[in-house]
Protein backbone atom coordinates (compact mmCIF):
# COMPACT_ATOMS: atom_id res chain seq x y z
CA MET A 1 0.03 -0.04 0.07
CA LYS A 2 1.57 3.32 -0.76
CA ALA A 3 0.73 6.52 0.35
CA SER A 4 -2.23 8.76 0.89
CA ASN A 5 -2.15 11.72 -0.19
CA THR A 6 -4.66 15.49 0.54
CA GLU A 7 -4.38 18.52 -1.02
CA ALA A 8 -4.12 22.31 -0.15
CA ARG A 9 -3.84 25.62 -1.95
CA ASN A 10 -1.40 28.10 -1.11
CA GLY A 11 -1.84 31.14 -3.62
CA SER A 12 -0.68 29.67 -6.34
CA GLU A 13 0.71 26.63 -5.30
CA THR A 14 -0.28 23.30 -4.74
CA LEU A 15 0.69 21.60 -1.47
CA ARG A 16 0.31 17.83 -1.12
CA PHE A 17 0.29 15.77 2.35
CA ARG A 18 1.61 12.59 1.66
CA ASN A 19 0.55 10.81 5.54
CA LEU A 20 3.72 7.98 5.03
CA GLY A 21 6.36 11.20 5.69
CA GLY A 22 8.51 11.81 2.43
CA TRP A 23 11.13 8.86 2.82
CA VAL A 24 9.82 5.64 3.06
CA GLU A 25 6.78 3.15 1.41
CA ARG A 26 4.98 0.60 3.15
CA PRO A 27 7.19 -2.71 2.91
CA VAL A 28 6.68 -5.53 0.85
CA ASP A 29 7.72 -8.17 2.52
CA LEU A 30 5.57 -6.37 5.87
CA GLN A 31 5.94 -9.15 8.22
CA LEU A 32 2.87 -10.87 10.26
CA GLU A 33 0.82 -9.70 13.12
CA LEU A 34 1.49 -10.94 16.49
CA LYS A 35 -1.29 -14.34 16.69
CA GLY A 36 -0.83 -16.56 20.06
CA HIS A 37 1.42 -16.22 22.46
CA GLU A 38 5.41 -15.87 21.98
CA HIS A 39 8.08 -15.68 24.85
CA ALA A 40 11.67 -14.01 24.24
CA ASP A 41 14.33 -12.30 26.49
CA VAL A 42 13.48 -9.06 25.76
CA ILE A 43 10.39 -6.97 24.23
CA VAL A 44 11.07 -4.22 22.51
CA VAL A 45 8.12 -1.91 21.82
CA GLY A 46 8.87 0.59 18.55
CA GLY A 47 10.36 0.13 14.91
CA GLY A 48 12.62 2.53 14.48
CA PHE A 49 16.16 3.84 15.49
CA ALA A 50 16.16 2.91 18.87
CA GLY A 51 14.20 -0.17 18.73
CA LEU A 52 15.79 -1.89 15.81
CA SER A 53 19.21 -0.53 17.49
CA THR A 54 18.70 -2.09 20.38
CA ALA A 55 16.93 -5.29 19.10
CA LEU A 56 20.21 -6.09 17.12
CA GLU A 57 22.63 -5.19 19.40
CA LEU A 58 21.46 -7.64 21.78
CA THR A 59 20.32 -10.37 19.14
CA ALA A 60 24.65 -10.38 18.24
CA LEU A 61 24.57 -10.74 22.41
CA GLY A 62 22.62 -14.32 22.06
CA ALA A 63 18.87 -12.49 23.17
CA LYS A 64 15.68 -13.96 21.94
CA VAL A 65 14.62 -10.22 20.89
CA ILE A 66 10.63 -9.73 20.17
CA VAL A 67 10.15 -6.05 18.34
CA LEU A 68 5.94 -4.88 18.25
CA GLU A 69 5.96 -2.30 15.96
CA GLN A 70 2.27 -0.75 15.67
CA GLU A 71 2.65 -0.06 11.75
CA PHE A 72 5.96 -0.78 9.85
CA ALA A 73 9.36 -0.15 10.88
CA GLY A 74 10.32 3.19 9.87
CA PHE A 75 6.61 4.40 10.14
CA GLY A 76 7.32 7.03 13.11
CA ALA A 77 9.80 9.90 13.57
CA SER A 78 12.78 7.89 12.25
CA GLY A 79 11.43 7.73 8.76
CA ARG A 80 9.73 11.35 8.73
CA ASN A 81 12.94 13.32 9.93
CA ALA A 82 15.27 15.59 7.94
CA GLY A 83 18.36 12.94 7.91
CA TYR A 84 20.51 15.15 10.06
CA LEU A 85 23.82 12.90 11.49
CA LEU A 86 24.50 15.35 13.72
CA GLY A 87 26.28 15.83 17.30
CA SER A 88 26.60 18.38 20.35
CA MET A 89 25.75 21.36 17.98
CA GLY A 90 22.17 20.09 18.51
CA ILE A 91 21.95 21.12 21.44
CA GLU A 92 21.55 24.44 23.41
CA CYS A 93 24.51 24.14 25.96
CA ASP A 94 23.00 26.88 28.01
CA VAL A 95 20.05 24.81 28.87
CA PHE A 96 21.94 21.89 29.73
CA VAL A 97 24.36 23.49 31.78
CA LYS A 98 21.68 25.21 34.00
CA ARG A 99 19.93 22.24 34.33
CA VAL A 100 22.73 19.71 35.47
CA GLY A 101 25.85 21.93 35.61
CA MET A 102 29.11 21.98 33.81
CA GLU A 103 30.23 18.29 34.75
CA GLN A 104 27.14 16.32 33.56
CA ALA A 105 26.88 18.41 30.75
CA LYS A 106 30.12 17.14 29.12
CA SER A 107 28.10 14.05 29.37
CA PHE A 108 25.97 14.65 27.47
CA VAL A 109 27.89 16.50 24.69
CA SER A 110 30.08 13.52 25.06
CA PHE A 111 26.81 11.39 24.18
CA TYR A 112 25.90 13.35 21.44
CA ASP A 113 29.02 13.23 19.72
CA GLU A 114 29.77 9.62 20.29
CA ALA A 115 26.89 8.73 18.31
CA VAL A 116 27.48 9.85 15.74
CA THR A 117 30.85 7.89 15.50
CA TYR A 118 28.76 4.98 16.13
CA VAL A 119 25.92 5.39 13.57
CA GLU A 120 29.05 5.82 10.74
CA GLU A 121 30.50 2.48 11.98
CA ARG A 122 27.18 0.59 11.95
CA LEU A 123 26.36 2.28 8.39
CA THR A 124 29.94 0.50 7.29
CA ALA A 125 29.75 -2.48 9.57
CA LEU A 126 25.50 -3.31 8.30
CA GLY A 127 26.18 -2.67 5.03
CA ILE A 128 23.82 0.18 4.53
CA ASP A 129 23.78 2.31 1.56
CA CYS A 130 21.54 5.24 2.64
CA ASP A 131 23.05 8.41 0.71
CA TYR A 132 25.34 9.19 3.86
CA ASN A 133 27.24 12.06 2.70
CA PRO A 134 29.71 13.27 5.42
CA SER A 135 29.83 17.29 4.33
CA GLY A 136 29.55 18.44 8.00
CA VAL A 137 26.66 20.33 9.38
CA ILE A 138 26.68 24.29 9.57
CA ARG A 139 23.99 26.37 11.75
CA ALA A 140 24.08 29.13 9.81
CA ALA A 141 22.77 32.68 10.29
CA VAL A 142 20.42 34.80 8.53
CA HIS A 143 21.05 37.83 10.03
CA PRO A 144 24.03 39.62 11.67
CA SER A 145 21.62 39.50 14.49
CA GLN A 146 22.23 35.92 15.15
CA GLU A 147 25.82 36.02 15.62
CA LYS A 148 26.12 36.84 19.43
CA ARG A 149 23.69 33.82 20.27
CA LEU A 150 26.09 31.69 18.22
CA ARG A 151 29.45 32.49 19.27
CA ALA A 152 27.78 32.22 22.82
CA ASN A 153 26.91 28.46 22.39
CA MET A 154 29.77 27.72 20.52
CA GLU A 155 32.22 29.41 23.68
CA LEU A 156 30.17 27.41 26.21
CA GLY A 157 29.98 24.22 23.69
CA HIS A 158 34.11 24.17 23.44
CA LYS A 159 34.14 24.02 27.77
CA LEU A 160 31.64 21.01 27.32
CA GLY A 161 34.37 19.00 24.58
CA SER A 162 32.18 20.09 22.11
CA VAL A 163 34.08 20.17 18.24
CA THR A 164 32.61 23.01 16.31
CA ARG A 165 34.36 25.43 14.37
CA PHE A 166 33.29 28.98 13.19
CA VAL A 167 32.82 29.63 9.51
CA ASP A 168 33.07 33.27 8.01
CA SER A 169 30.52 34.56 5.26
CA ALA A 170 33.98 34.63 3.01
CA GLU A 171 34.60 30.80 3.52
CA MET A 172 30.53 30.50 3.06
CA ARG A 173 30.85 32.27 -0.20
CA ALA A 174 33.82 30.82 -1.25
CA ARG A 175 32.13 26.75 -0.87
CA GLY A 176 28.90 28.07 -2.53
CA ILE A 177 26.47 27.79 0.38
CA PRO A 178 23.33 29.80 -0.88
CA PRO A 179 23.99 33.71 -0.07
CA ALA A 180 20.74 33.59 2.41
CA PHE A 181 23.38 32.01 5.22
CA LEU A 182 25.95 34.44 5.85
CA PHE A 183 27.97 32.63 8.61
CA GLY A 184 27.88 29.73 11.20
CA SER A 185 29.41 27.12 13.24
CA GLU A 186 30.32 23.95 11.64
CA GLN A 187 30.41 20.18 13.24
CA ARG A 188 31.60 17.26 11.87
CA GLY A 189 28.42 14.55 10.71
CA GLY A 190 26.60 14.89 7.30
CA THR A 191 23.00 13.99 5.74
CA LEU A 192 21.59 10.94 4.61
CA ASN A 193 17.93 9.08 3.77
CA PRO A 194 16.34 8.13 7.32
CA GLY A 195 14.10 6.17 5.27
CA LYS A 196 16.58 4.18 3.76
CA TYR A 197 18.68 3.81 7.15
CA VAL A 198 15.80 2.63 9.02
CA SER A 199 14.91 0.20 6.58
CA GLY A 200 18.57 -1.10 6.45
CA LEU A 201 18.41 -1.45 10.25
CA ARG A 202 15.04 -3.44 9.90
CA ARG A 203 16.95 -6.10 7.15
CA ALA A 204 19.76 -6.55 9.27
CA ALA A 205 17.04 -7.06 12.12
CA ILE A 206 15.15 -9.48 10.28
CA LEU A 207 18.24 -11.15 8.99
CA ALA A 208 19.69 -11.64 12.43
CA GLY A 209 16.62 -13.79 13.83
CA VAL A 210 14.77 -10.42 15.66
CA LYS A 211 10.99 -11.87 15.55
CA LEU A 212 9.35 -8.44 13.97
CA TYR A 213 5.97 -8.27 14.60
CA GLU A 214 4.55 -5.26 12.20
CA ARG A 215 0.72 -4.21 11.84
CA THR A 216 1.08 -5.09 15.83
CA PRO A 217 0.37 -2.56 18.50
CA LEU A 218 0.43 -2.59 21.96
CA LEU A 219 -2.68 -2.40 23.39
CA SER A 220 -1.56 -2.97 26.99
CA TYR A 221 1.28 -4.82 29.32
CA SER A 222 1.38 -5.70 33.23
CA GLU A 223 4.17 -5.00 35.42
CA GLY A 224 6.24 -7.51 37.63
CA SER A 225 9.48 -9.94 36.95
CA VAL A 226 7.38 -11.33 34.11
CA ILE A 227 6.00 -8.97 32.06
CA THR A 228 2.90 -9.76 29.41
CA CYS A 229 2.21 -7.51 26.38
CA LYS A 230 -1.49 -8.18 24.97
CA THR A 231 -2.14 -7.13 21.20
CA ALA A 232 -5.17 -7.89 19.66
CA LEU A 233 -4.62 -11.01 18.54
CA GLY A 234 -2.45 -12.17 20.64
CA SER A 235 0.58 -11.76 24.00
CA ALA A 236 3.86 -11.77 24.85
CA THR A 237 6.20 -12.26 27.87
CA ALA A 238 9.86 -11.42 28.84
CA PRO A 239 11.69 -10.33 32.13
CA VAL A 240 12.89 -7.45 30.31
CA MET A 241 10.10 -4.79 28.40
CA VAL A 242 12.23 -1.71 26.39
CA LEU A 243 9.98 1.07 25.20
CA ALA A 244 11.37 2.74 21.86
CA THR A 245 8.15 4.48 21.23
CA ASN A 246 9.03 7.98 21.62
CA ALA A 247 6.22 10.01 21.10
CA TYR A 248 4.20 7.79 21.37
CA THR A 249 5.05 6.68 24.79
CA PRO A 250 2.53 9.15 27.10
CA GLN A 251 -0.64 6.97 24.91
CA LEU A 252 0.88 3.85 26.55
CA GLY A 253 0.52 5.46 29.75
CA GLY A 254 4.34 5.85 30.41
CA LEU A 255 6.48 8.91 30.63
CA ARG A 256 2.97 10.91 30.37
CA ASN A 257 4.04 13.41 32.99
CA LYS A 258 7.71 13.49 31.69
CA VAL A 259 7.62 14.18 27.20
CA ALA A 260 5.08 15.83 25.49
CA PRO A 261 4.40 14.77 21.58
CA ILE A 262 5.56 17.86 19.90
CA ARG A 263 4.61 18.48 15.30
CA VAL A 264 6.45 19.16 13.48
CA SER A 265 7.07 19.08 9.00
CA ALA A 266 8.72 19.00 6.19
CA ILE A 267 8.16 20.09 2.51
CA GLU A 268 10.23 18.36 -0.26
CA THR A 269 10.28 20.39 -3.61
CA GLN A 270 10.33 18.86 -7.33
CA PRO A 271 13.79 17.65 -9.07
CA LEU A 272 15.99 20.79 -9.41
CA SER A 273 17.28 20.94 -12.90
CA ALA A 274 21.13 21.29 -13.96
CA GLU A 275 20.61 24.59 -14.20
CA GLN A 276 19.24 25.73 -10.98
CA LEU A 277 21.54 23.10 -9.23
CA ALA A 278 24.22 25.20 -10.85
CA SER A 279 22.74 28.37 -9.27
CA LEU A 280 23.01 27.62 -6.43
CA GLY A 281 26.72 26.94 -6.37
CA TRP A 282 26.06 24.20 -3.12
CA LYS A 283 28.50 21.67 -4.09
CA GLY A 284 29.22 19.92 -0.93
CA ARG A 285 25.36 19.82 0.07
CA GLU A 286 26.18 20.70 3.80
CA GLY A 287 23.30 20.06 5.96
CA LEU A 288 21.82 23.66 7.07
CA ILE A 289 20.19 24.43 10.13
CA THR A 290 19.59 28.04 11.57
CA PRO A 291 20.13 29.57 15.25
CA HIS A 292 16.26 30.60 15.50
CA TYR A 293 14.59 29.45 18.02
CA THR A 294 12.06 27.43 16.12
CA MET A 295 14.97 26.28 13.72
CA GLU A 296 14.91 25.65 10.09
CA SER A 297 16.90 22.91 8.10
CA HIS A 298 17.91 23.05 4.86
CA ARG A 299 19.39 20.60 2.97
CA LEU A 300 19.84 18.87 -1.30
CA THR A 301 19.03 15.55 -1.32
CA ALA A 302 21.00 12.60 -3.76
CA HIS A 303 17.66 12.31 -5.64
CA ASP A 304 18.84 16.52 -6.31
CA THR A 305 15.36 18.04 -4.31
CA MET A 306 15.23 19.86 -1.86
CA VAL A 307 13.52 19.25 2.13
CA LEU A 308 13.11 22.08 4.32
CA THR A 309 12.12 21.65 7.59
CA VAL A 310 10.52 22.90 10.55
CA LYS A 311 9.78 26.87 11.76
CA GLU A 312 6.04 26.10 12.95
CA LEU A 313 5.38 23.73 15.72
CA GLY A 314 2.27 22.12 17.07
CA TYR A 315 0.95 20.20 19.81
CA ALA A 316 -2.26 18.26 20.20
CA TYR A 317 -4.48 18.80 23.14
CA GLY A 318 -4.14 15.65 25.33
CA SER A 319 -0.32 14.82 23.95
CA LYS A 320 -2.54 13.16 21.04
CA THR A 321 -0.82 12.03 17.93
CA PRO A 322 -3.08 12.51 14.66
CA ASN A 323 -1.49 11.49 11.59
CA VAL A 324 -2.83 14.98 9.84
CA PRO A 325 -1.54 17.49 8.06
CA ASP A 326 -0.48 21.19 9.31
CA TYR A 327 -1.12 23.38 6.01
CA ARG A 328 0.41 26.35 8.20
CA ALA A 329 3.57 24.90 9.05
CA TYR A 330 4.19 23.77 5.34
CA THR A 331 3.09 27.53 3.73
CA ALA A 332 5.33 28.73 6.50
CA LEU A 333 8.18 26.88 4.77
CA ALA A 334 6.89 27.28 1.46
CA ARG A 335 7.70 31.25 2.28
CA VAL A 336 10.91 30.33 3.33
CA LEU A 337 12.12 28.07 0.49
CA ARG A 338 10.93 31.35 -1.72
CA GLU A 339 12.45 33.72 0.20
CA ARG A 340 16.17 31.89 1.27
CA TYR A 341 16.43 31.16 -2.26
CA PRO A 342 15.67 33.98 -4.95
CA SER A 343 16.81 31.69 -7.74
CA LEU A 344 14.50 28.65 -7.26
CA GLN A 345 11.18 30.91 -7.77
CA GLY A 346 9.54 28.55 -9.86
CA LEU A 347 10.36 25.37 -8.44
CA GLY A 348 7.40 23.39 -7.03
CA ILE A 349 6.45 21.50 -3.98
CA GLN A 350 6.57 18.15 -4.12
CA HIS A 351 4.86 16.93 -0.80
CA CYS A 352 4.31 17.78 2.31
CA TRP A 353 4.95 15.73 5.70
CA SER A 354 4.25 15.85 8.80
CA GLY A 355 5.38 14.00 12.38
CA TYR A 356 5.97 13.80 16.16
CA ILE A 357 8.92 14.11 18.19
CA SER A 358 9.12 13.94 21.99
CA GLY A 359 9.90 16.75 24.20
CA ALA A 360 10.64 17.47 28.06
CA TYR A 361 10.61 20.77 29.70
CA ASP A 362 13.98 20.91 30.01
CA PHE A 363 14.57 20.24 26.64
CA LEU A 364 16.81 17.36 27.88
CA PRO A 365 17.11 13.46 26.66
CA VAL A 366 14.75 11.04 28.96
CA ILE A 367 16.34 7.79 29.57
CA GLY A 368 15.51 5.46 32.31
CA ALA A 369 13.71 1.93 33.74
CA MET A 370 10.45 2.02 35.83
CA GLY A 371 8.32 -0.39 36.83
CA ALA A 372 7.57 -2.22 40.30
CA LYS A 373 11.04 -4.49 38.94
CA GLN A 374 12.60 -2.08 37.28
CA ASN A 375 12.70 -4.02 34.38
CA ILE A 376 11.78 -1.83 32.17
CA PHE A 377 13.61 0.80 30.00
CA TYR A 378 12.91 4.02 27.99
CA THR A 379 13.93 6.63 26.23
CA ALA A 380 12.49 9.43 24.91
CA GLY A 381 12.29 13.24 24.90
CA CYS A 382 15.18 13.30 21.75
CA SER A 383 13.93 16.92 20.82
CA GLY A 384 14.26 16.35 17.09
CA HIS A 385 17.97 15.39 17.43
CA GLY A 386 17.57 11.82 17.71
CA LEU A 387 18.76 10.06 14.68
CA ALA A 388 22.10 9.62 15.78
CA THR A 389 21.39 9.18 19.78
CA GLN A 390 18.73 6.68 19.85
CA SER A 391 20.84 4.31 17.26
CA LEU A 392 23.79 4.53 20.43
CA MET A 393 21.15 3.89 22.66
CA GLY A 394 20.53 0.15 21.80
CA ALA A 395 24.07 -0.28 22.28
CA LEU A 396 23.80 1.17 25.56
CA PHE A 397 20.20 -0.19 26.33
CA ALA A 398 22.04 -3.68 25.31
CA GLY A 399 24.95 -3.44 27.65
CA ARG A 400 22.90 -2.98 30.66
CA ILE A 401 20.53 -5.46 30.14
CA ASN A 402 23.24 -7.93 29.28
CA GLY A 403 24.50 -6.72 33.26
CA LYS A 404 27.19 -4.12 32.44
CA GLU A 405 26.52 -0.39 33.54
CA PRO A 406 27.87 1.56 30.58
CA PRO A 407 29.21 5.02 32.43
CA LEU A 408 27.85 6.90 29.63
CA LEU A 409 24.20 5.40 30.50
CA ALA A 410 24.87 6.20 33.87
CA ALA A 411 26.07 9.64 33.32
CA LEU A 412 22.70 10.30 31.34
CA GLN A 413 20.28 9.71 34.68
CA HIS A 414 18.74 13.07 35.88
CA LYS A 415 15.58 14.22 37.14
CA THR A 416 12.69 14.95 34.16
CA PRO A 417 10.72 17.82 35.50
CA SER A 418 7.09 17.01 35.58
CA MET A 419 4.54 18.30 33.29
CA LEU A 420 1.70 20.41 34.09
CA PRO A 421 -1.71 18.57 33.48
CA GLU A 422 -4.06 19.24 30.83
CA PRO A 423 -5.44 22.27 30.08
CA PHE A 424 -2.98 23.87 31.51
CA GLN A 425 -0.02 22.06 29.42
CA TRP A 426 -1.80 22.96 26.02
CA CYS A 427 -1.49 26.79 27.38
CA ALA A 428 2.40 26.10 28.24
CA ILE A 429 3.27 24.71 25.28
CA GLN A 430 1.12 27.16 22.64
CA SER A 431 2.40 30.18 24.67
CA ALA A 432 6.38 29.12 24.03
CA PHE A 433 5.76 28.15 20.83
CA ALA A 434 3.91 32.10 20.08
CA ALA A 435 7.06 33.41 22.24
CA ALA A 436 9.72 31.96 19.84
CA LYS A 437 7.52 32.86 16.65
CA LEU A 438 7.73 36.55 17.60
CA LEU A 439 11.20 36.50 18.22
CA ASP A 440 11.79 34.53 15.36
CA ALA A 441 9.50 37.28 13.03
CA TRP A 442 11.85 39.32 14.07
CA THR A 443 15.16 38.35 12.81
CA ASP A 444 12.71 36.99 9.75
CA ASN A 445 11.42 40.87 9.10
CA LYS A 446 14.94 42.22 9.55
CA VAL A 447 15.85 39.96 6.89
CA ARG A 448 13.34 41.50 4.63
CA LYS A 449 14.11 45.14 4.99
CA ASP A 450 17.72 44.48 4.58
CA ASN A 451 16.77 42.72 1.30
CA ALA A 452 14.29 44.96 0.29
CA LEU A 453 17.27 47.98 0.78
CA LYS A 454 19.31 45.58 -1.48
CA ASP A 455 17.07 45.44 -3.76
């Protein structure tokens, strides 16, 4: 089954919503739904980066692993993100330091940066071709007023062990970065096709003997020395469970007071012609993210389209995750496309999509164990930067379940602030989104005024 689409008009432009995201199709080898009863050493719930990585690492240690996935592996956030393999440049260092202090913040920086190396090594070890371009990622400013905040985050990051370098305007122009982006902070990493990456993990897991059950939503689970997971047509038991369900976790009854699902959106253009690509001059195809409070991300794909994400965030009352279009966000991204790339005015938008990330009030990862026997492990709170970290989490969880205590996993433990009950949570989140939007609009209006003066 292919993705279904709905459409809306943005002026003369048609915005087509794709309900599977932009990177994946329903697998032709869709795995069977769980029927009857199964027993394993570990049950993993969720078939994304974290769930599949955990299953693969545990299987390599000799464990019998079951993965329960409500749709198909890669359907959720893993198959919908922008595809940035990004380390500690993706965090706001001052927020982390204020929350946990300098020393523990260094551990978080190590976690983010080691995750990039982990994924690069896994791509080679598992033979996954996902169009990885190790071009580096640049946090690129669109207005001079963004420099102070950018440099302050860099300076604090260096104290925490983050390795970044400032790229001035001369180097940006020499490298052919589109002229809308003035200067920036660069870190190793790059871009990839997240659909191909998660599909590669899925294929490797099946070949390794992981019992992957797709179209098998978890309906309920019971705690104890043996955990029982109930599904529509069957059940599974194991002494250990891993909840790798990210933004969907609150709907399962876990972490409802710790994380909230946040809707993020993306647009993908039609393929650029040779002339359009030449007009950009973007030969290195570096991934670009902006230092807005609600960032923009800009990248070229291996098939010569352009993908833009974020700019507008959404939250559904009651921590729900409806798979519906967000045309306001797509319209905002379409405007960004036209304003940042004046040479591409005739470039059409191929399709749009949305998905859910999970975030805590302090923006830190939410990782730990719960249950009467502390045998239910969970990972969430990626705040939109989970491609690398959630992959590494599989190795950390596997080590912990195998009786070891990875030092990095222990160093990430902290107290996550509690969410507010509804309707206060909805009000708080919407207010935060509105404040960020106002601050970003102030910056973008200055860019427009400067451009008008140039014209």
